[in-house]
PDB file of N, CA and C in Angstrom:
ATOM      1  N   MET A   1     108.391  69.972  64.668  1.00  0.00           N
ATOM      2  CA  MET A   1     108.044  69.207  65.916  1.00  0.00           C
ATOM      3  C   MET A   1     108.799  69.673  67.040  1.00  0.00           C
ATOM      4  N   LYS A   2     110.031  70.367  66.866  1.00  0.00           N
ATOM      5  CA  LYS A   2     110.700  70.983  68.022  1.00  0.00           C
ATOM      6  C   LYS A   2     110.201  72.115  68.561  1.00  0.00           C
ATOM      7  N   LYS A   3     109.554  72.858  67.578  1.00  0.00           N
ATOM      8  CA  LYS A   3     108.822  74.132  67.838  1.00  0.00           C
ATOM      9  C   LYS A   3     107.533  73.750  68.682  1.00  0.00           C
ATOM     10  N   LEU A   4     106.823  72.867  68.534  1.00  0.00           N
ATOM     11  CA  LEU A   4     105.632  72.442  69.048  1.00  0.00           C
ATOM     12  C   LEU A   4     106.230  72.001  70.691  1.00  0.00           C
ATOM     13  N   PHE A   5     107.256  71.060  70.607  1.00  0.00           N
ATOM     14  CA  PHE A   5     107.814  70.631  72.024  1.00  0.00           C
ATOM     15  C   PHE A   5     108.174  71.948  72.845  1.00  0.00           C
ATOM     16  N   LEU A   6     108.984  73.045  72.063  1.00  0.00           N
ATOM     17  CA  LEU A   6     109.434  74.186  72.846  1.00  0.00           C
ATOM     18  C   LEU A   6     108.260  75.050  73.380  1.00  0.00           C
ATOM     19  N   LEU A   7     107.253  75.183  72.566  1.00  0.00           N
ATOM     20  CA  LEU A   7     105.992  75.943  72.980  1.00  0.00           C
ATOM     21  C   LEU A   7     105.353  75.086  74.344  1.00  0.00           C
ATOM     22  N   ILE A   8     105.071  73.963  74.313  1.00  0.00           N
ATOM     23  CA  ILE A   8     104.546  73.317  75.379  1.00  0.00           C
ATOM     24  C   ILE A   8     105.477  73.358  76.523  1.00  0.00           C
ATOM     25  N   VAL A   9     106.809  73.545  76.553  1.00  0.00           N
ATOM     26  CA  VAL A   9     107.690  73.519  77.625  1.00  0.00           C
ATOM     27  C   VAL A   9     107.652  74.900  78.239  1.00  0.00           C
ATOM     28  N   CYS A  10     107.494  75.868  77.226  1.00  0.00           N
ATOM     29  CA  CYS A  10     107.520  77.266  77.673  1.00  0.00           C
ATOM     30  C   CYS A  10     106.075  77.349  78.430  1.00  0.00           C
ATOM     31  N   ALA A  11     104.874  76.918  77.668  1.00  0.00           N
ATOM     32  CA  ALA A  11     103.561  77.131  78.433  1.00  0.00           C
ATOM     33  C   ALA A  11     103.264  76.482  79.831  1.00  0.00           C
ATOM     34  N   CYS A  12     104.277  75.245  79.932  1.00  0.00           N
ATOM     35  CA  CYS A  12     104.112  74.532  81.283  1.00  0.00           C
ATOM     36  C   CYS A  12     105.028  75.374  82.308  1.00  0.00           C
ATOM     37  N   SER A  13     105.876  75.886  81.659  1.00  0.00           N
ATOM     38  CA  SER A  13     107.165  76.776  82.843  1.00  0.00           C
ATOM     39  C   SER A  13     106.017  77.879  83.238  1.00  0.00           C
ATOM     40  N   PHE A  14     105.698  78.619  82.296  1.00  0.00           N
ATOM     41  CA  PHE A  14     104.616  79.888  82.804  1.00  0.00           C
ATOM     42  C   PHE A  14     103.684  79.442  83.573  1.00  0.00           C
ATOM     43  N   LEU A  15     102.783  78.508  83.247  1.00  0.00           N
ATOM     44  CA  LEU A  15     101.850  78.041  84.378  1.00  0.00           C
ATOM     45  C   LEU A  15     102.386  77.596  85.593  1.00  0.00           C
ATOM     46  N   TRP A  16     103.484  76.841  85.705  1.00  0.00           N
ATOM     47  CA  TRP A  16     104.113  76.493  87.028  1.00  0.00           C
ATOM     48  C   TRP A  16     104.642  77.828  87.891  1.00  0.00           C
ATOM     49  N   VAL A  17     105.335  78.791  87.084  1.00  0.00           N
ATOM     50  CA  VAL A  17     105.685  80.016  87.859  1.00  0.00           C
ATOM     51  C   VAL A  17     104.466  80.973  88.408  1.00  0.00           C
ATOM     52  N   PHE A  18     103.522  80.915  87.534  1.00  0.00           N
ATOM     53  CA  PHE A  18     102.109  81.519  87.786  1.00  0.00           C
ATOM     54  C   PHE A  18     101.590  81.122  88.979  1.00  0.00           C
ATOM     55  N   ALA A  19     101.519  79.683  89.028  1.00  0.00           N
ATOM     56  CA  ALA A  19     100.947  79.133  89.988  1.00  0.00           C
ATOM     57  C   ALA A  19     101.660  79.051  91.434  1.00  0.00           C
ATOM     58  N   ALA A  20     102.936  79.180  91.189  1.00  0.00           N
ATOM     59  CA  ALA A  20     103.810  79.223  92.419  1.00  0.00           C
ATOM     60  C   ALA A  20     103.660  80.625  92.951  1.00  0.00           C
ATOM     61  N   THR A  21     103.862  81.708  92.111  1.00  0.00           N
ATOM     62  CA  THR A  21     103.510  83.098  92.711  1.00  0.00           C
ATOM     63  C   THR A  21     102.189  83.125  93.235  1.00  0.00           C
ATOM     64  N   GLU A  22     101.159  82.807  92.884  1.00  0.00           N
ATOM     65  CA  GLU A  22      99.801  82.881  93.106  1.00  0.00           C
ATOM     66  C   GLU A  22      99.806  82.340  94.742  1.00  0.00           C
ATOM     67  N   SER A  23     100.356  81.057  94.657  1.00  0.00           N
ATOM     68  CA  SER A  23     100.452  80.176  96.035  1.00  0.00           C
ATOM     69  C   SER A  23     101.185  80.972  97.143  1.00  0.00           C
ATOM     70  N   MET A  24     102.204  81.646  96.729  1.00  0.00           N
ATOM     71  CA  MET A  24     103.155  82.566  97.531  1.00  0.00           C
ATOM     72  C   MET A  24     102.642  83.937  98.202  1.00  0.00           C
ATOM     73  N   ALA A  25     101.468  84.452  97.213  1.00  0.00           N
ATOM     74  CA  ALA A  25     100.830  85.722  97.271  1.00  0.00           C
ATOM     75  C   ALA A  25      99.780  85.224  98.581  1.00  0.00           C
ATOM     76  N   ARG A  26      99.209  83.934  98.309  1.00  0.00           N
ATOM     77  CA  ARG A  26      98.067  83.649  99.411  1.00  0.00           C
ATOM     78  C   ARG A  26      98.750  83.285 100.502  1.00  0.00           C
ATOM     79  N   ASP A  27     100.005  82.638 100.630  1.00  0.00           N
ATOM     80  CA  ASP A  27     100.627  82.394 101.934  1.00  0.00           C
ATOM     81  C   ASP A  27     100.939  83.542 102.719  1.00  0.00           C
ATOM     82  N   GLN A  28     101.532  84.603 101.798  1.00  0.00           N
ATOM     83  CA  GLN A  28     101.864  85.773 102.557  1.00  0.00           C
ATOM     84  C   GLN A  28     100.667  86.680 103.050  1.00  0.00           C
ATOM     85  N   ALA A  29      99.546  86.642 102.365  1.00  0.00           N
ATOM     86  CA  ALA A  29      98.398  87.181 102.998  1.00  0.00           C
ATOM     87  C   ALA A  29      97.671  86.491 104.379  1.00  0.00           C
ATOM     88  N   ALA A  30      98.007  85.145 104.206  1.00  0.00           N
ATOM     89  CA  ALA A  30      97.491  84.420 105.417  1.00  0.00           C
ATOM     90  C   ALA A  30      98.536  84.871 106.688  1.00  0.00           C
ATOM     91  N   LEU A  31      99.970  85.029 106.378  1.00  0.00           N
ATOM     92  CA  LEU A  31     100.901  85.121 107.507  1.00  0.00           C
ATOM     93  C   LEU A  31     100.648  86.677 107.852  1.00  0.00           C
ATOM     94  N   THR A  32     100.485  87.419 107.048  1.00  0.00           N
ATOM     95  CA  THR A  32     100.155  88.870 107.346  1.00  0.00           C
ATOM     96  C   THR A  32      98.941  88.923 108.048  1.00  0.00           C
ATOM     97  N   LYS A  33      97.696  88.233 107.929  1.00  0.00           N
ATOM     98  CA  LYS A  33      96.579  88.411 108.553  1.00  0.00           C
ATOM     99  C   LYS A  33      96.773  87.768 110.000  1.00  0.00           C
ATOM    100  N   ARG A  34      97.472  86.513 110.175  1.00  0.00           N
ATOM    101  CA  ARG A  34      97.608  85.937 111.209  1.00  0.00           C
ATOM    102  C   ARG A  34      98.306  86.583 112.333  1.00  0.00           C
ATOM    103  N   LEU A  35      99.300  87.376 111.907  1.00  0.00           N
ATOM    104  CA  LEU A  35     100.194  88.197 112.950  1.00  0.00           C
ATOM    105  C   LEU A  35      99.729  89.628 112.883  1.00  0.00           C
ATOM    106  N   SER A  36      98.733  90.052 112.483  1.00  0.00           N
ATOM    107  CA  SER A  36      98.159  91.294 112.512  1.00  0.00           C
ATOM    108  C   SER A  36      97.913  91.762 113.901  1.00  0.00           C
ATOM    109  N   TYR A  37      98.013  90.911 114.855  1.00  0.00           N
ATOM    110  CA  TYR A  37      97.753  91.316 116.310  1.00  0.00           C
ATOM    111  C   TYR A  37      98.937  91.899 116.989  1.00  0.00           C
ATOM    112  N   LEU A  38     100.047  91.735 116.090  1.00  0.00           N
ATOM    113  CA  LEU A  38     101.376  92.299 116.569  1.00  0.00           C
ATOM    114  C   LEU A  38     101.251  93.727 116.689  1.00  0.00           C
ATOM    115  N   GLN A  39     100.401  94.628 115.596  1.00  0.00           N
ATOM    116  CA  GLN A  39     100.518  95.852 115.538  1.00  0.00           C
ATOM    117  C   GLN A  39      99.604  96.362 117.062  1.00  0.00           C
ATOM    118  N   ASN A  40      99.015  95.395 117.684  1.00  0.00           N
ATOM    119  CA  ASN A  40      98.390  95.945 118.846  1.00  0.00           C
ATOM    120  C   ASN A  40      99.284  95.961 120.109  1.00  0.00           C
ATOM    121  N   ILE A  41     100.335  95.635 120.062  1.00  0.00           N
ATOM    122  CA  ILE A  41     101.251  95.612 121.030  1.00  0.00           C
ATOM    123  C   ILE A  41     101.900  96.937 121.214  1.00  0.00           C
ATOM    124  N   PRO A  42     101.791  97.448 122.205  1.00  0.00           N
ATOM    125  CA  PRO A  42     102.365  99.053 122.541  1.00  0.00           C
ATOM    126  C   PRO A  42     103.835  99.102 122.072  1.00  0.00           C
ATOM    127  N   GLU A  43     104.557  98.086 122.309  1.00  0.00           N
ATOM    128  CA  GLU A  43     106.035  98.293 122.266  1.00  0.00           C
ATOM    129  C   GLU A  43     106.757  98.042 120.901  1.00  0.00           C
ATOM    130  N   ILE A  44     105.545  97.639 119.794  1.00  0.00           N
ATOM    131  CA  ILE A  44     105.946  97.204 118.586  1.00  0.00           C
ATOM    132  C   ILE A  44     105.633  98.424 117.616  1.00  0.00           C
ATOM    133  N   SER A  45     106.588  99.043 116.790  1.00  0.00           N
ATOM    134  CA  SER A  45     106.356 100.093 116.023  1.00  0.00           C
ATOM    135  C   SER A  45     106.155  99.947 114.913  1.00  0.00           C
ATOM    136  N   TRP A  46     106.533  98.624 114.183  1.00  0.00           N
ATOM    137  CA  TRP A  46     106.217  98.323 112.831  1.00  0.00           C
ATOM    138  C   TRP A  46     106.496  96.670 112.514  1.00  0.00           C
ATOM    139  N   VAL A  47     105.904  96.182 111.567  1.00  0.00           N
ATOM    140  CA  VAL A  47     106.067  94.826 111.363  1.00  0.00           C
ATOM    141  C   VAL A  47     106.203  94.687 109.585  1.00  0.00           C
ATOM    142  N   GLU A  48     107.210  94.134 109.310  1.00  0.00           N
ATOM    143  CA  GLU A  48     107.854  93.904 107.879  1.00  0.00           C
ATOM    144  C   GLU A  48     107.677  92.508 107.480  1.00  0.00           C
ATOM    145  N   TYR A  49     107.219  92.057 106.358  1.00  0.00           N
ATOM    146  CA  TYR A  49     106.980  90.687 105.783  1.00  0.00           C
ATOM    147  C   TYR A  49     108.188  90.571 104.625  1.00  0.00           C
ATOM    148  N   ASP A  50     108.867  89.617 104.690  1.00  0.00           N
ATOM    149  CA  ASP A  50     109.598  89.251 103.230  1.00  0.00           C
ATOM    150  C   ASP A  50     109.712  87.765 103.156  1.00  0.00           C
ATOM    151  N   ARG A  51     108.541  87.335 102.246  1.00  0.00           N
ATOM    152  CA  ARG A  51     108.233  85.815 102.428  1.00  0.00           C
ATOM    153  C   ARG A  51     108.013  85.203 103.359  1.00  0.00           C
ATOM    154  N   ASN A  52     108.855  84.446 103.849  1.00  0.00           N
ATOM    155  CA  ASN A  52     108.987  83.771 105.130  1.00  0.00           C
ATOM    156  C   ASN A  52     109.577  84.431 106.314  1.00  0.00           C
ATOM    157  N   ASN A  53     110.245  85.512 106.055  1.00  0.00           N
ATOM    158  CA  ASN A  53     110.759  86.329 107.219  1.00  0.00           C
ATOM    159  C   ASN A  53     109.833  87.372 107.673  1.00  0.00           C
ATOM    160  N   VAL A  54     109.931  87.433 108.978  1.00  0.00           N
ATOM    161  CA  VAL A  54     108.982  88.673 109.691  1.00  0.00           C
ATOM    162  C   VAL A  54     110.108  89.226 110.300  1.00  0.00           C
ATOM    163  N   TYR A  55     110.030  90.800 110.420  1.00  0.00           N
ATOM    164  CA  TYR A  55     110.993  91.652 111.107  1.00  0.00           C
ATOM    165  C   TYR A  55     110.045  92.377 111.726  1.00  0.00           C
ATOM    166  N   VAL A  56     110.312  92.573 113.154  1.00  0.00           N
ATOM    167  CA  VAL A  56     109.261  93.352 114.307  1.00  0.00           C
ATOM    168  C   VAL A  56     110.354  94.524 114.660  1.00  0.00           C
ATOM    169  N   GLY A  57     109.651  95.689 114.516  1.00  0.00           N
ATOM    170  CA  GLY A  57     110.718  96.848 115.414  1.00  0.00           C
ATOM    171  C   GLY A  57     110.121  97.125 116.558  1.00  0.00           C
ATOM    172  N   PHE A  58     110.765  97.212 117.810  1.00  0.00           N
ATOM    173  CA  PHE A  58     110.392  97.524 119.065  1.00  0.00           C
ATOM    174  C   PHE A  58     110.888  98.690 119.306  1.00  0.00           C
ATOM    175  N   ASN A  59     109.963  99.744 119.904  1.00  0.00           N
ATOM    176  CA  ASN A  59     110.301 100.869 120.623  1.00  0.00           C
ATOM    177  C   ASN A  59     111.107 100.677 121.653  1.00  0.00           C
ATOM    178  N   LYS A  60     110.857  99.741 122.475  1.00  0.00           N
ATOM    179  CA  LYS A  60     111.662  99.722 123.553  1.00  0.00           C
ATOM    180  C   LYS A  60     111.741  97.908 123.802  1.00  0.00           C
ATOM    181  N   ARG A  61     112.764  97.390 124.585  1.00  0.00           N
ATOM    182  CA  ARG A  61     112.776  95.854 124.493  1.00  0.00           C
ATOM    183  C   ARG A  61     111.830  95.568 125.459  1.00  0.00           C
ATOM    184  N   PRO A  62     110.676  94.785 125.303  1.00  0.00           N
ATOM    185  CA  PRO A  62     109.842  94.310 126.252  1.00  0.00           C
ATOM    186  C   PRO A  62     110.362  93.112 127.260  1.00  0.00           C
ATOM    187  N   ASP A  63     109.671  93.116 128.411  1.00  0.00           N
ATOM    188  CA  ASP A  63     109.961  91.955 129.330  1.00  0.00           C
ATOM    189  C   ASP A  63     109.952  90.696 128.740  1.00  0.00           C
ATOM    190  N   ASP A  64     108.790  90.448 127.930  1.00  0.00           N
ATOM    191  CA  ASP A  64     108.477  89.481 127.363  1.00  0.00           C
ATOM    192  C   ASP A  64     108.590  89.034 126.023  1.00  0.00           C
ATOM    193  N   LEU A  65     109.724  89.397 125.601  1.00  0.00           N
ATOM    194  CA  LEU A  65     110.222  89.480 124.178  1.00  0.00           C
ATOM    195  C   LEU A  65     110.214  88.194 123.653  1.00  0.00           C
ATOM    196  N   LYS A  66     110.802  87.339 124.490  1.00  0.00           N
ATOM    197  CA  LYS A  66     110.939  85.787 124.184  1.00  0.00           C
ATOM    198  C   LYS A  66     109.470  85.295 123.857  1.00  0.00           C
ATOM    199  N   THR A  67     108.480  85.524 124.572  1.00  0.00           N
ATOM    200  CA  THR A  67     107.268  85.150 124.165  1.00  0.00           C
ATOM    201  C   THR A  67     106.573  85.815 122.996  1.00  0.00           C
ATOM    202  N   ILE A  68     106.823  87.007 122.839  1.00  0.00           N
ATOM    203  CA  ILE A  68     106.288  87.617 121.576  1.00  0.00           C
ATOM    204  C   ILE A  68     106.854  87.132 120.216  1.00  0.00           C
ATOM    205  N   ILE A  69     108.097  87.006 120.370  1.00  0.00           N
ATOM    206  CA  ILE A  69     108.945  86.494 119.181  1.00  0.00           C
ATOM    207  C   ILE A  69     108.581  84.886 118.904  1.00  0.00           C
ATOM    208  N   ASN A  70     108.637  84.293 119.979  1.00  0.00           N
ATOM    209  CA  ASN A  70     108.381  82.614 119.653  1.00  0.00           C
ATOM    210  C   ASN A  70     106.866  82.472 119.225  1.00  0.00           C
ATOM    211  N   ALA A  71     105.925  83.205 119.680  1.00  0.00           N
ATOM    212  CA  ALA A  71     104.501  82.838 119.474  1.00  0.00           C
ATOM    213  C   ALA A  71     104.449  83.332 118.068  1.00  0.00           C
ATOM    214  N   ALA A  72     104.763  84.534 117.547  1.00  0.00           N
ATOM    215  CA  ALA A  72     104.965  84.996 116.329  1.00  0.00           C
ATOM    216  C   ALA A  72     105.421  83.926 115.104  1.00  0.00           C
ATOM    217  N   ALA A  73     106.549  83.387 115.640  1.00  0.00           N
ATOM    218  CA  ALA A  73     107.133  82.371 114.546  1.00  0.00           C
ATOM    219  C   ALA A  73     106.383  81.172 114.634  1.00  0.00           C
ATOM    220  N   ALA A  74     105.831  80.597 115.741  1.00  0.00           N
ATOM    221  CA  ALA A  74     104.884  79.608 115.739  1.00  0.00           C
ATOM    222  C   ALA A  74     103.485  79.835 114.843  1.00  0.00           C
ATOM    223  N   MET A  75     102.821  80.743 115.225  1.00  0.00           N
ATOM    224  CA  MET A  75     101.868  81.132 114.592  1.00  0.00           C
ATOM    225  C   MET A  75     101.874  81.363 113.259  1.00  0.00           C
ATOM    226  N   GLY A  76     102.870  82.113 112.832  1.00  0.00           N
ATOM    227  CA  GLY A  76     103.286  82.433 111.446  1.00  0.00           C
ATOM    228  C   GLY A  76     103.695  81.070 110.608  1.00  0.00           C
ATOM    229  N   ASN A  77     104.280  80.103 111.312  1.00  0.00           N
ATOM    230  CA  ASN A  77     104.368  78.926 110.485  1.00  0.00           C
ATOM    231  C   ASN A  77     103.209  78.034 110.350  1.00  0.00           C
ATOM    232  N   ARG A  78     102.185  78.254 111.126  1.00  0.00           N
ATOM    233  CA  ARG A  78     101.002  77.390 110.896  1.00  0.00           C
ATOM    234  C   ARG A  78     100.171  78.279 109.995  1.00  0.00           C
ATOM    235  N   ALA A  79     100.435  79.468 109.708  1.00  0.00           N
ATOM    236  CA  ALA A  79      99.711  80.177 108.678  1.00  0.00           C
ATOM    237  C   ALA A  79     100.427  80.065 107.409  1.00  0.00           C
ATOM    238  N   TYR A  80     101.394  80.039 107.520  1.00  0.00           N
ATOM    239  CA  TYR A  80     102.316  80.005 106.230  1.00  0.00           C
ATOM    240  C   TYR A  80     102.501  78.839 105.515  1.00  0.00           C
ATOM    241  N   GLY A  81     102.532  77.675 106.425  1.00  0.00           N
ATOM    242  CA  GLY A  81     102.704  76.456 106.204  1.00  0.00           C
ATOM    243  C   GLY A  81     104.076  76.099 105.767  1.00  0.00           C
ATOM    244  N   PHE A  82     105.067  76.754 105.993  1.00  0.00           N
ATOM    245  CA  PHE A  82     106.346  76.615 105.910  1.00  0.00           C
ATOM    246  C   PHE A  82     107.329  77.244 107.033  1.00  0.00           C
ATOM    247  N   GLY A  83     108.493  76.920 106.977  1.00  0.00           N
ATOM    248  CA  GLY A  83     109.284  77.622 107.885  1.00  0.00           C
ATOM    249  C   GLY A  83     109.302  79.034 108.100  1.00  0.00           C
ATOM    250  N   VAL A  84     108.864  79.705 109.273  1.00  0.00           N
ATOM    251  CA  VAL A  84     108.910  81.188 109.361  1.00  0.00           C
ATOM    252  C   VAL A  84     110.162  81.689 110.413  1.00  0.00           C
ATOM    253  N   HIS A  85     110.540  82.753 109.789  1.00  0.00           N
ATOM    254  CA  HIS A  85     111.938  83.173 110.805  1.00  0.00           C
ATOM    255  C   HIS A  85     111.269  84.561 111.297  1.00  0.00           C
ATOM    256  N   VAL A  86     111.351  85.070 112.456  1.00  0.00           N
ATOM    257  CA  VAL A  86     110.890  86.177 112.942  1.00  0.00           C
ATOM    258  C   VAL A  86     112.276  86.741 113.823  1.00  0.00           C
ATOM    259  N   TRP A  87     112.472  88.009 113.362  1.00  0.00           N
ATOM    260  CA  TRP A  87     113.554  88.583 113.767  1.00  0.00           C
ATOM    261  C   TRP A  87     113.021  90.099 114.502  1.00  0.00           C
ATOM    262  N   ALA A  88     113.443  90.268 115.875  1.00  0.00           N
ATOM    263  CA  ALA A  88     113.413  91.558 116.809  1.00  0.00           C
ATOM    264  C   ALA A  88     114.346  92.332 116.619  1.00  0.00           C
ATOM    265  N   VAL A  89     113.888  93.564 116.090  1.00  0.00           N
ATOM    266  CA  VAL A  89     115.041  94.799 115.955  1.00  0.00           C
ATOM    267  C   VAL A  89     114.591  95.838 116.572  1.00  0.00           C
ATOM    268  N   LYS A  90     115.426  96.948 116.692  1.00  0.00           N
ATOM    269  CA  LYS A  90     114.965  98.121 117.266  1.00  0.00           C
ATOM    270  C   LYS A  90     114.291  98.762 116.074  1.00  0.00           C
ATOM    271  N   ALA A  91     113.270  99.622 116.589  1.00  0.00           N
ATOM    272  CA  ALA A  91     112.199 100.591 115.700  1.00  0.00           C
ATOM    273  C   ALA A  91     113.122 101.272 114.979  1.00  0.00           C
ATOM    274  N   SER A  92     114.388 101.879 115.090  1.00  0.00           N
ATOM    275  CA  SER A  92     115.186 102.950 114.329  1.00  0.00           C
ATOM    276  C   SER A  92     115.730 101.990 113.144  1.00  0.00           C
ATOM    277  N   GLN A  93     115.673 100.760 113.234  1.00  0.00           N
ATOM    278  CA  GLN A  93     116.377  99.949 112.235  1.00  0.00           C
ATOM    279  C   GLN A  93     115.373  99.348 111.228  1.00  0.00           C
ATOM    280  N   ARG A  94     114.334 100.078 110.780  1.00  0.00           N
ATOM    281  CA  ARG A  94     113.468  99.577 109.587  1.00  0.00           C
ATOM    282  C   ARG A  94     114.165  99.455 108.547  1.00  0.00           C
ATOM    283  N   GLY A  95     113.728  98.320 107.604  1.00  0.00           N
ATOM    284  CA  GLY A  95     114.519  97.880 106.430  1.00  0.00           C
ATOM    285  C   GLY A  95     115.402  97.041 107.084  1.00  0.00           C
ATOM    286  N   TRP A  96     115.869  96.723 108.098  1.00  0.00           N
ATOM    287  CA  TRP A  96     116.796  95.774 108.724  1.00  0.00           C
ATOM    288  C   TRP A  96     116.802  94.337 107.887  1.00  0.00           C
ATOM    289  N   ARG A  97     117.818  93.833 107.612  1.00  0.00           N
ATOM    290  CA  ARG A  97     117.732  92.373 107.056  1.00  0.00           C
ATOM    291  C   ARG A  97     119.022  91.914 107.646  1.00  0.00           C
ATOM    292  N   PRO A  98     119.173  90.236 107.639  1.00  0.00           N
ATOM    293  CA  PRO A  98     120.017  89.614 108.462  1.00  0.00           C
ATOM    294  C   PRO A  98     121.382  90.084 107.901  1.00  0.00           C
ATOM    295  N   GLY A  99     122.509  90.400 108.564  1.00  0.00           N
ATOM    296  CA  GLY A  99     123.571  90.651 108.228  1.00  0.00           C
ATOM    297  C   GLY A  99     123.816  92.072 108.202  1.00  0.00           C
ATOM    298  N   ASP A 100     122.863  92.736 108.379  1.00  0.00           N
ATOM    299  CA  ASP A 100     122.820  94.317 108.546  1.00  0.00           C
ATOM    300  C   ASP A 100     123.393  94.749 109.906  1.00  0.00           C
ATOM    301  N   GLY A 101     123.614  93.974 110.916  1.00  0.00           N
ATOM    302  CA  GLY A 101     124.179  94.411 112.055  1.00  0.00           C
ATOM    303  C   GLY A 101     123.479  93.903 113.246  1.00  0.00           C
ATOM    304  N   THR A 102     123.332  94.348 114.461  1.00  0.00           N
ATOM    305  CA  THR A 102     122.732  93.848 115.845  1.00  0.00           C
ATOM    306  C   THR A 102     121.237  93.891 115.531  1.00  0.00           C
ATOM    307  N   TYR A 103     120.775  92.703 116.462  1.00  0.00           N
ATOM    308  CA  TYR A 103     119.327  92.603 116.644  1.00  0.00           C
ATOM    309  C   TYR A 103     119.089  92.055 117.923  1.00  0.00           C
ATOM    310  N   TYR A 104     117.903  92.328 118.362  1.00  0.00           N
ATOM    311  CA  TYR A 104     117.678  91.728 119.751  1.00  0.00           C
ATOM    312  C   TYR A 104     117.752  90.025 119.852  1.00  0.00           C
ATOM    313  N   CYS A 105     116.807  89.356 118.947  1.00  0.00           N
ATOM    314  CA  CYS A 105     116.860  87.939 118.933  1.00  0.00           C
ATOM    315  C   CYS A 105     116.144  87.523 117.842  1.00  0.00           C
ATOM    316  N   GLU A 106     116.249  86.223 117.420  1.00  0.00           N
ATOM    317  CA  GLU A 106     115.404  85.770 116.402  1.00  0.00           C
ATOM    318  C   GLU A 106     114.992  84.198 116.920  1.00  0.00           C
ATOM    319  N   ALA A 107     113.551  83.867 116.141  1.00  0.00           N
ATOM    320  CA  ALA A 107     113.185  82.509 116.539  1.00  0.00           C
ATOM    321  C   ALA A 107     112.760  81.850 114.973  1.00  0.00           C
ATOM    322  N   THR A 108     113.030  80.644 114.905  1.00  0.00           N
ATOM    323  CA  THR A 108     112.263  79.959 113.672  1.00  0.00           C
ATOM    324  C   THR A 108     111.524  78.801 113.982  1.00  0.00           C
ATOM    325  N   ALA A 109     110.465  78.697 113.611  1.00  0.00           N
ATOM    326  CA  ALA A 109     109.178  77.750 113.574  1.00  0.00           C
ATOM    327  C   ALA A 109     108.895  76.774 112.641  1.00  0.00           C
ATOM    328  N   ARG A 110     109.043  75.535 112.580  1.00  0.00           N
ATOM    329  CA  ARG A 110     108.808  74.737 111.612  1.00  0.00           C
ATOM    330  C   ARG A 110     107.788  73.543 112.257  1.00  0.00           C
ATOM    331  N   HIS A 111     106.950  73.080 111.334  1.00  0.00           N
ATOM    332  CA  HIS A 111     105.990  71.902 111.865  1.00  0.00           C
ATOM    333  C   HIS A 111     105.124  72.403 112.994  1.00  0.00           C
ATOM    334  N   GLY A 112     104.879  73.368 113.101  1.00  0.00           N
ATOM    335  CA  GLY A 112     103.927  74.157 114.143  1.00  0.00           C
ATOM    336  C   GLY A 112     104.492  74.398 115.663  1.00  0.00           C
ATOM    337  N   LYS A 113     105.918  74.494 115.605  1.00  0.00           N
ATOM    338  CA  LYS A 113     106.530  74.793 116.818  1.00  0.00           C
ATOM    339  C   LYS A 113     107.851  75.295 116.695  1.00  0.00           C
ATOM    340  N   VAL A 114     108.280  76.017 117.798  1.00  0.00           N
ATOM    341  CA  VAL A 114     109.530  76.609 117.568  1.00  0.00           C
ATOM    342  C   VAL A 114     110.766  75.685 117.550  1.00  0.00           C
ATOM    343  N   GLU A 115     111.457  75.704 116.429  1.00  0.00           N
ATOM    344  CA  GLU A 115     112.725  74.928 116.395  1.00  0.00           C
ATOM    345  C   GLU A 115     114.073  75.455 117.267  1.00  0.00           C
ATOM    346  N   LYS A 116     114.143  76.547 117.032  1.00  0.00           N
ATOM    347  CA  LYS A 116     115.303  77.537 117.623  1.00  0.00           C
ATOM    348  C   LYS A 116     114.854  78.651 117.817  1.00  0.00           C
ATOM    349  N   SER A 117     115.662  79.267 119.078  1.00  0.00           N
ATOM    350  CA  SER A 117     115.310  80.756 119.474  1.00  0.00           C
ATOM    351  C   SER A 117     116.429  81.251 120.206  1.00  0.00           C
ATOM    352  N   SER A 118     116.869  82.453 119.704  1.00  0.00           N
ATOM    353  CA  SER A 118     117.991  83.232 120.495  1.00  0.00           C
ATOM    354  C   SER A 118     117.572  84.215 121.678  1.00  0.00           C
ATOM    355  N   CYS A 119     116.321  84.208 121.786  1.00  0.00           N
ATOM    356  CA  CYS A 119     115.593  84.980 122.631  1.00  0.00           C
ATOM    357  C   CYS A 119     115.596  84.469 123.791  1.00  0.00           C
ATOM    358  N   LYS A 120     115.802  85.651 125.112  1.00  0.00           N
ATOM    359  CA  LYS A 120     116.065  85.202 126.467  1.00  0.00           C
ATOM    360  C   LYS A 120     115.095  85.781 127.305  1.00  0.00           C
TER     361      LYS A 120
END
């Protein structure tokens, strides 16, 4: 009886992890598709995605940096369905992650709107 119970628990756990992974992959694809327009902005060199974090590398700091980052956070949140954080960094900082040093600014969006932004 214990073996049957253990087998059922393991099977349910596997299915739960599989479903969560599948959902996260779908959300990641939606986020990537929704923010694909960023590649068309001349000042942007690259965009990296790490779950609900988006890192944007700028060749030079544009005058409308606040608008670009805040819009990306809000649109990304609507596509991802969860809080999205967008970080603006120098193009030379590819692979940058929070805590790795300086960055231009960041914005966080939840519930379809920007909740906080350090962009000016």
